[in-house]
Amino acid sequence: MPVIALKEGYTGEMRDREENFHGQRLLFVGWEDHLMFCSPHCIPVDPGMTFETLATAVLPGMYGMHPDWARVDVHAIEWFHSGKRFEPDFDRSLADNGLGHKSVIRIRTPGLTGIHGSFS
């Protein structure tokens, strides 16, 4: 992704290019309504990993400390990719689901709105 500088003098090498991650891609993952996590996590992922593995093995490691996570059904999650709702194919890879380098996904878990419903 090119940088468009608004002022003269902005130079530098983009160090977060995909080729710098040894076959991995960066994926940003955020959990809506759960402010215990102040921003999306940025994680390196294998583009060949199945979406099922992301949902059932990776996300619990990221969010399992939150008391709501024990009640999450990963197949009932509302998934968003770059701000738009999408339905992932759990049997296909992250790449096959259209998740490229530095993609952003957000999850919403209806009925689970943070600690005591406080969005925290």
N, C-alpha and C. Protein backbone atom coordinates (compact mmCIF):
# COMPACT_ATOMS: atom_id res chain seq x y z
N MET A 1 0.84 -1.16 0.00
CA MET A 1 0.00 0.00 0.00
C MET A 1 0.90 1.24 0.00
N PRO A 2 0.77 2.10 -0.98
CA PRO A 2 1.64 3.27 -1.05
C PRO A 2 1.24 4.31 -0.01
N VAL A 3 2.21 5.12 0.35
CA VAL A 3 1.98 6.23 1.26
C VAL A 3 1.83 7.49 0.44
N ILE A 4 0.82 8.27 0.72
CA ILE A 4 0.63 9.55 0.07
C ILE A 4 0.88 10.60 1.13
N ALA A 5 2.04 11.25 1.06
CA ALA A 5 2.40 12.25 2.06
C ALA A 5 1.70 13.57 1.75
N LEU A 6 1.23 14.22 2.79
CA LEU A 6 0.57 15.51 2.64
C LEU A 6 1.57 16.66 2.65
N LYS A 7 2.77 16.39 3.11
CA LYS A 7 3.81 17.42 3.16
C LYS A 7 5.09 16.85 2.58
N GLU A 8 5.94 17.74 2.11
CA GLU A 8 7.25 17.34 1.59
C GLU A 8 8.10 16.80 2.74
N GLY A 9 9.02 15.93 2.40
CA GLY A 9 9.98 15.45 3.38
C GLY A 9 9.60 14.15 4.07
N TYR A 10 8.43 13.60 3.78
CA TYR A 10 8.06 12.33 4.40
C TYR A 10 8.69 11.21 3.60
N THR A 11 9.67 10.56 4.18
CA THR A 11 10.33 9.45 3.51
C THR A 11 10.47 8.32 4.51
N GLY A 12 10.73 7.18 3.99
CA GLY A 12 10.95 6.04 4.87
C GLY A 12 10.47 4.77 4.21
N GLU A 13 11.04 3.69 4.66
CA GLU A 13 10.69 2.38 4.13
C GLU A 13 9.49 1.83 4.91
N MET A 14 8.52 1.29 4.18
CA MET A 14 7.38 0.65 4.82
C MET A 14 7.86 -0.70 5.37
N ARG A 15 7.95 -0.83 6.66
CA ARG A 15 8.49 -2.05 7.27
C ARG A 15 7.43 -3.10 7.56
N ASP A 16 6.17 -2.76 7.38
CA ASP A 16 5.12 -3.74 7.66
C ASP A 16 4.57 -4.37 6.38
N ARG A 17 5.40 -4.38 5.33
CA ARG A 17 5.01 -5.04 4.08
C ARG A 17 4.93 -6.55 4.31
N GLU A 18 4.06 -7.19 3.57
CA GLU A 18 3.83 -8.62 3.74
C GLU A 18 5.12 -9.44 3.60
N GLU A 19 5.96 -9.08 2.66
CA GLU A 19 7.17 -9.87 2.44
C GLU A 19 8.14 -9.84 3.63
N ASN A 20 7.91 -8.95 4.58
CA ASN A 20 8.76 -8.89 5.77
C ASN A 20 8.29 -9.81 6.90
N PHE A 21 7.25 -10.60 6.66
CA PHE A 21 6.68 -11.42 7.72
C PHE A 21 6.83 -12.92 7.46
N HIS A 22 7.76 -13.30 6.60
CA HIS A 22 8.16 -14.70 6.43
C HIS A 22 6.98 -15.63 6.16
N GLY A 23 6.10 -15.24 5.24
CA GLY A 23 4.96 -16.07 4.88
C GLY A 23 3.71 -15.83 5.70
N GLN A 24 3.83 -15.03 6.73
CA GLN A 24 2.69 -14.68 7.57
C GLN A 24 2.06 -13.39 7.05
N ARG A 25 0.82 -13.16 7.45
CA ARG A 25 0.13 -11.90 7.16
C ARG A 25 -0.32 -11.31 8.49
N LEU A 26 -0.37 -9.99 8.54
CA LEU A 26 -0.93 -9.35 9.72
C LEU A 26 -2.44 -9.31 9.59
N LEU A 27 -3.12 -9.62 10.68
CA LEU A 27 -4.57 -9.59 10.73
C LEU A 27 -4.96 -8.82 11.99
N PHE A 28 -5.80 -7.82 11.82
CA PHE A 28 -6.32 -7.06 12.95
C PHE A 28 -7.67 -7.63 13.33
N VAL A 29 -7.85 -7.93 14.62
CA VAL A 29 -9.10 -8.54 15.10
C VAL A 29 -9.60 -7.75 16.31
N GLY A 30 -10.84 -7.27 16.23
CA GLY A 30 -11.43 -6.53 17.34
C GLY A 30 -12.76 -7.13 17.74
N TRP A 31 -13.09 -7.03 19.03
CA TRP A 31 -14.33 -7.58 19.59
C TRP A 31 -15.21 -6.40 20.00
N GLU A 32 -16.28 -6.18 19.28
CA GLU A 32 -17.20 -5.08 19.55
C GLU A 32 -17.77 -5.17 20.96
N ASP A 33 -18.01 -4.02 21.57
CA ASP A 33 -18.67 -3.88 22.87
C ASP A 33 -17.86 -4.43 24.03
N HIS A 34 -16.61 -4.69 23.85
CA HIS A 34 -15.78 -5.25 24.92
C HIS A 34 -14.54 -4.38 25.09
N LEU A 35 -14.71 -3.31 25.85
CA LEU A 35 -13.66 -2.31 25.99
C LEU A 35 -12.54 -2.73 26.92
N MET A 36 -12.62 -3.94 27.45
CA MET A 36 -11.48 -4.48 28.19
C MET A 36 -10.30 -4.59 27.22
N PHE A 37 -10.63 -4.69 25.94
CA PHE A 37 -9.63 -4.73 24.87
C PHE A 37 -9.80 -3.41 24.11
N CYS A 38 -8.91 -2.47 24.34
CA CYS A 38 -9.11 -1.10 23.88
C CYS A 38 -9.01 -0.93 22.37
N SER A 39 -8.41 -1.86 21.69
CA SER A 39 -8.26 -1.75 20.25
C SER A 39 -8.13 -3.15 19.66
N PRO A 40 -8.23 -3.24 18.34
CA PRO A 40 -8.05 -4.57 17.74
C PRO A 40 -6.65 -5.11 18.02
N HIS A 41 -6.57 -6.42 18.17
CA HIS A 41 -5.27 -7.09 18.27
C HIS A 41 -4.71 -7.21 16.86
N CYS A 42 -3.42 -7.08 16.74
CA CYS A 42 -2.75 -7.33 15.46
C CYS A 42 -1.92 -8.60 15.63
N ILE A 43 -2.27 -9.61 14.84
CA ILE A 43 -1.60 -10.90 14.99
C ILE A 43 -1.06 -11.38 13.65
N PRO A 44 0.08 -12.08 13.66
CA PRO A 44 0.56 -12.70 12.42
C PRO A 44 -0.16 -14.04 12.23
N VAL A 45 -0.63 -14.28 11.03
CA VAL A 45 -1.35 -15.52 10.75
C VAL A 45 -0.85 -16.13 9.44
N ASP A 46 -0.95 -17.43 9.36
CA ASP A 46 -0.66 -18.15 8.13
C ASP A 46 -1.87 -17.98 7.21
N PRO A 47 -1.70 -17.46 6.00
CA PRO A 47 -2.87 -17.28 5.13
C PRO A 47 -3.57 -18.59 4.79
N GLY A 48 -2.90 -19.73 4.97
CA GLY A 48 -3.51 -21.03 4.71
C GLY A 48 -4.29 -21.59 5.89
N MET A 49 -4.23 -20.92 7.05
CA MET A 49 -4.98 -21.37 8.22
C MET A 49 -6.47 -21.34 7.91
N THR A 50 -7.19 -22.37 8.37
CA THR A 50 -8.64 -22.35 8.13
C THR A 50 -9.29 -21.32 9.05
N PHE A 51 -10.43 -20.83 8.61
CA PHE A 51 -11.18 -19.90 9.44
C PHE A 51 -11.63 -20.58 10.73
N GLU A 52 -11.91 -21.87 10.64
CA GLU A 52 -12.28 -22.66 11.83
C GLU A 52 -11.19 -22.59 12.89
N THR A 53 -9.94 -22.73 12.47
CA THR A 53 -8.82 -22.67 13.41
C THR A 53 -8.72 -21.29 14.03
N LEU A 54 -8.88 -20.25 13.22
CA LEU A 54 -8.86 -18.89 13.76
C LEU A 54 -9.95 -18.75 14.83
N ALA A 55 -11.16 -19.19 14.51
CA ALA A 55 -12.30 -19.00 15.41
C ALA A 55 -12.22 -19.86 16.67
N THR A 56 -11.73 -21.08 16.55
CA THR A 56 -11.79 -22.01 17.68
C THR A 56 -10.48 -22.17 18.45
N ALA A 57 -9.37 -21.76 17.85
CA ALA A 57 -8.08 -21.92 18.52
C ALA A 57 -7.39 -20.59 18.81
N VAL A 58 -7.45 -19.67 17.86
CA VAL A 58 -6.74 -18.40 18.03
C VAL A 58 -7.55 -17.41 18.87
N LEU A 59 -8.81 -17.19 18.52
CA LEU A 59 -9.62 -16.20 19.25
C LEU A 59 -9.76 -16.52 20.74
N PRO A 60 -9.95 -17.78 21.14
CA PRO A 60 -10.02 -18.05 22.59
C PRO A 60 -8.73 -17.68 23.32
N GLY A 61 -7.59 -17.84 22.65
CA GLY A 61 -6.33 -17.44 23.27
C GLY A 61 -6.21 -15.93 23.44
N MET A 62 -6.87 -15.19 22.56
CA MET A 62 -6.83 -13.73 22.62
C MET A 62 -7.85 -13.17 23.62
N TYR A 63 -9.04 -13.75 23.62
CA TYR A 63 -10.15 -13.16 24.36
C TYR A 63 -10.66 -14.00 25.52
N GLY A 64 -10.07 -15.19 25.71
CA GLY A 64 -10.56 -16.11 26.74
C GLY A 64 -10.52 -15.59 28.16
N MET A 65 -9.71 -14.57 28.43
CA MET A 65 -9.64 -14.02 29.79
C MET A 65 -10.89 -13.20 30.15
N HIS A 66 -11.65 -12.79 29.13
CA HIS A 66 -12.86 -12.01 29.40
C HIS A 66 -13.98 -12.95 29.85
N PRO A 67 -14.72 -12.59 30.89
CA PRO A 67 -15.77 -13.49 31.39
C PRO A 67 -16.86 -13.82 30.36
N ASP A 68 -17.09 -12.95 29.39
CA ASP A 68 -18.08 -13.24 28.34
C ASP A 68 -17.65 -14.37 27.41
N TRP A 69 -16.35 -14.56 27.25
CA TRP A 69 -15.89 -15.49 26.22
C TRP A 69 -16.40 -16.92 26.45
N ALA A 70 -16.57 -17.32 27.67
CA ALA A 70 -17.05 -18.68 27.97
C ALA A 70 -18.43 -18.94 27.38
N ARG A 71 -19.19 -17.88 27.11
CA ARG A 71 -20.53 -18.03 26.55
C ARG A 71 -20.59 -17.78 25.05
N VAL A 72 -19.46 -17.57 24.41
CA VAL A 72 -19.43 -17.29 22.98
C VAL A 72 -19.56 -18.58 22.17
N ASP A 73 -20.46 -18.57 21.22
CA ASP A 73 -20.58 -19.63 20.22
C ASP A 73 -19.97 -19.05 18.95
N VAL A 74 -18.79 -19.52 18.57
CA VAL A 74 -18.09 -18.91 17.43
C VAL A 74 -18.89 -19.00 16.14
N HIS A 75 -19.80 -19.94 16.05
CA HIS A 75 -20.61 -20.06 14.83
C HIS A 75 -21.80 -19.10 14.84
N ALA A 76 -22.04 -18.43 15.97
CA ALA A 76 -23.11 -17.44 16.06
C ALA A 76 -22.57 -16.01 16.03
N ILE A 77 -21.26 -15.87 15.96
CA ILE A 77 -20.64 -14.55 15.91
C ILE A 77 -21.07 -13.83 14.64
N GLU A 78 -21.30 -12.53 14.76
CA GLU A 78 -21.50 -11.68 13.58
C GLU A 78 -20.12 -11.17 13.18
N TRP A 79 -19.71 -11.49 11.97
CA TRP A 79 -18.37 -11.17 11.47
C TRP A 79 -18.43 -9.95 10.55
N PHE A 80 -17.43 -9.08 10.68
CA PHE A 80 -17.31 -7.91 9.82
C PHE A 80 -15.89 -7.86 9.27
N HIS A 81 -15.78 -7.63 7.98
CA HIS A 81 -14.48 -7.50 7.32
C HIS A 81 -14.41 -6.11 6.72
N SER A 82 -13.46 -5.32 7.20
CA SER A 82 -13.29 -3.93 6.75
C SER A 82 -14.60 -3.15 6.85
N GLY A 83 -15.32 -3.34 7.94
CA GLY A 83 -16.52 -2.59 8.21
C GLY A 83 -17.80 -3.13 7.61
N LYS A 84 -17.72 -4.18 6.80
CA LYS A 84 -18.90 -4.74 6.16
C LYS A 84 -19.15 -6.15 6.66
N ARG A 85 -20.42 -6.48 6.85
CA ARG A 85 -20.79 -7.81 7.33
C ARG A 85 -20.35 -8.86 6.31
N PHE A 86 -19.80 -9.97 6.81
CA PHE A 86 -19.49 -11.08 5.91
C PHE A 86 -19.69 -12.40 6.63
N GLU A 87 -19.94 -13.42 5.83
CA GLU A 87 -20.16 -14.77 6.34
C GLU A 87 -18.95 -15.62 5.95
N PRO A 88 -18.07 -15.89 6.90
CA PRO A 88 -16.89 -16.68 6.56
C PRO A 88 -17.24 -18.14 6.29
N ASP A 89 -16.45 -18.76 5.46
CA ASP A 89 -16.54 -20.20 5.24
C ASP A 89 -15.51 -20.83 6.17
N PHE A 90 -15.97 -21.47 7.22
CA PHE A 90 -15.09 -22.00 8.27
C PHE A 90 -14.16 -23.09 7.75
N ASP A 91 -14.50 -23.75 6.67
CA ASP A 91 -13.67 -24.82 6.13
C ASP A 91 -12.59 -24.32 5.18
N ARG A 92 -12.66 -23.07 4.79
CA ARG A 92 -11.69 -22.52 3.84
C ARG A 92 -10.64 -21.71 4.57
N SER A 93 -9.57 -21.42 3.87
CA SER A 93 -8.45 -20.68 4.47
C SER A 93 -8.81 -19.21 4.67
N LEU A 94 -7.97 -18.54 5.45
CA LEU A 94 -8.15 -17.10 5.64
C LEU A 94 -8.03 -16.39 4.29
N ALA A 95 -7.04 -16.80 3.48
CA ALA A 95 -6.87 -16.20 2.16
C ALA A 95 -8.10 -16.43 1.29
N ASP A 96 -8.64 -17.65 1.31
CA ASP A 96 -9.83 -17.96 0.52
C ASP A 96 -11.05 -17.18 1.00
N ASN A 97 -11.04 -16.75 2.25
CA ASN A 97 -12.12 -15.93 2.78
C ASN A 97 -11.89 -14.44 2.50
N GLY A 98 -10.86 -14.13 1.73
CA GLY A 98 -10.61 -12.74 1.34
C GLY A 98 -9.84 -11.91 2.34
N LEU A 99 -9.20 -12.56 3.31
CA LEU A 99 -8.44 -11.82 4.31
C LEU A 99 -6.98 -11.72 3.87
N GLY A 100 -6.61 -10.54 3.45
CA GLY A 100 -5.25 -10.28 3.00
C GLY A 100 -4.40 -9.67 4.10
N HIS A 101 -3.20 -9.27 3.73
CA HIS A 101 -2.27 -8.65 4.66
C HIS A 101 -2.88 -7.35 5.20
N LYS A 102 -2.91 -7.22 6.51
CA LYS A 102 -3.44 -6.08 7.24
C LYS A 102 -4.95 -5.91 7.10
N SER A 103 -5.65 -7.02 6.83
CA SER A 103 -7.11 -6.97 6.86
C SER A 103 -7.59 -6.73 8.30
N VAL A 104 -8.76 -6.16 8.40
CA VAL A 104 -9.38 -5.89 9.70
C VAL A 104 -10.67 -6.69 9.78
N ILE A 105 -10.79 -7.50 10.82
CA ILE A 105 -12.07 -8.15 11.09
C ILE A 105 -12.51 -7.75 12.49
N ARG A 106 -13.81 -7.59 12.63
CA ARG A 106 -14.40 -7.29 13.93
C ARG A 106 -15.48 -8.32 14.18
N ILE A 107 -15.63 -8.66 15.43
CA ILE A 107 -16.66 -9.63 15.78
C ILE A 107 -17.66 -8.98 16.72
N ARG A 108 -18.90 -9.39 16.57
CA ARG A 108 -19.97 -8.94 17.47
C ARG A 108 -20.64 -10.20 18.00
N THR A 109 -20.83 -10.23 19.30
CA THR A 109 -21.46 -11.38 19.95
C THR A 109 -22.77 -10.92 20.55
N PRO A 110 -23.87 -11.06 19.80
CA PRO A 110 -25.16 -10.57 20.28
C PRO A 110 -25.50 -11.10 21.67
N GLY A 111 -25.97 -10.20 22.52
CA GLY A 111 -26.33 -10.56 23.89
C GLY A 111 -25.18 -10.48 24.87
N LEU A 112 -23.97 -10.36 24.37
CA LEU A 112 -22.79 -10.25 25.23
C LEU A 112 -22.22 -8.85 25.03
N THR A 113 -22.37 -8.01 26.05
CA THR A 113 -21.98 -6.61 25.89
C THR A 113 -21.04 -6.15 26.99
N GLY A 114 -20.06 -6.95 27.27
CA GLY A 114 -19.05 -6.54 28.23
C GLY A 114 -19.42 -6.90 29.66
N ILE A 115 -18.57 -6.52 30.57
CA ILE A 115 -18.74 -6.86 31.98
C ILE A 115 -19.96 -6.11 32.52
N HIS A 116 -20.96 -6.86 32.96
CA HIS A 116 -22.20 -6.31 33.49
C HIS A 116 -22.91 -5.40 32.51
N GLY A 117 -22.77 -5.65 31.21
CA GLY A 117 -23.43 -4.85 30.20
C GLY A 117 -22.90 -3.44 30.08
N SER A 118 -21.67 -3.22 30.56
CA SER A 118 -21.13 -1.87 30.61
C SER A 118 -20.29 -1.52 29.40
N PHE A 119 -20.19 -2.42 28.43
CA PHE A 119 -19.28 -2.24 27.30
C PHE A 119 -17.86 -2.10 27.78
N SER A 120 -17.53 -2.75 28.87
CA SER A 120 -16.16 -2.65 29.36
C SER A 120 -15.52 -4.01 29.48
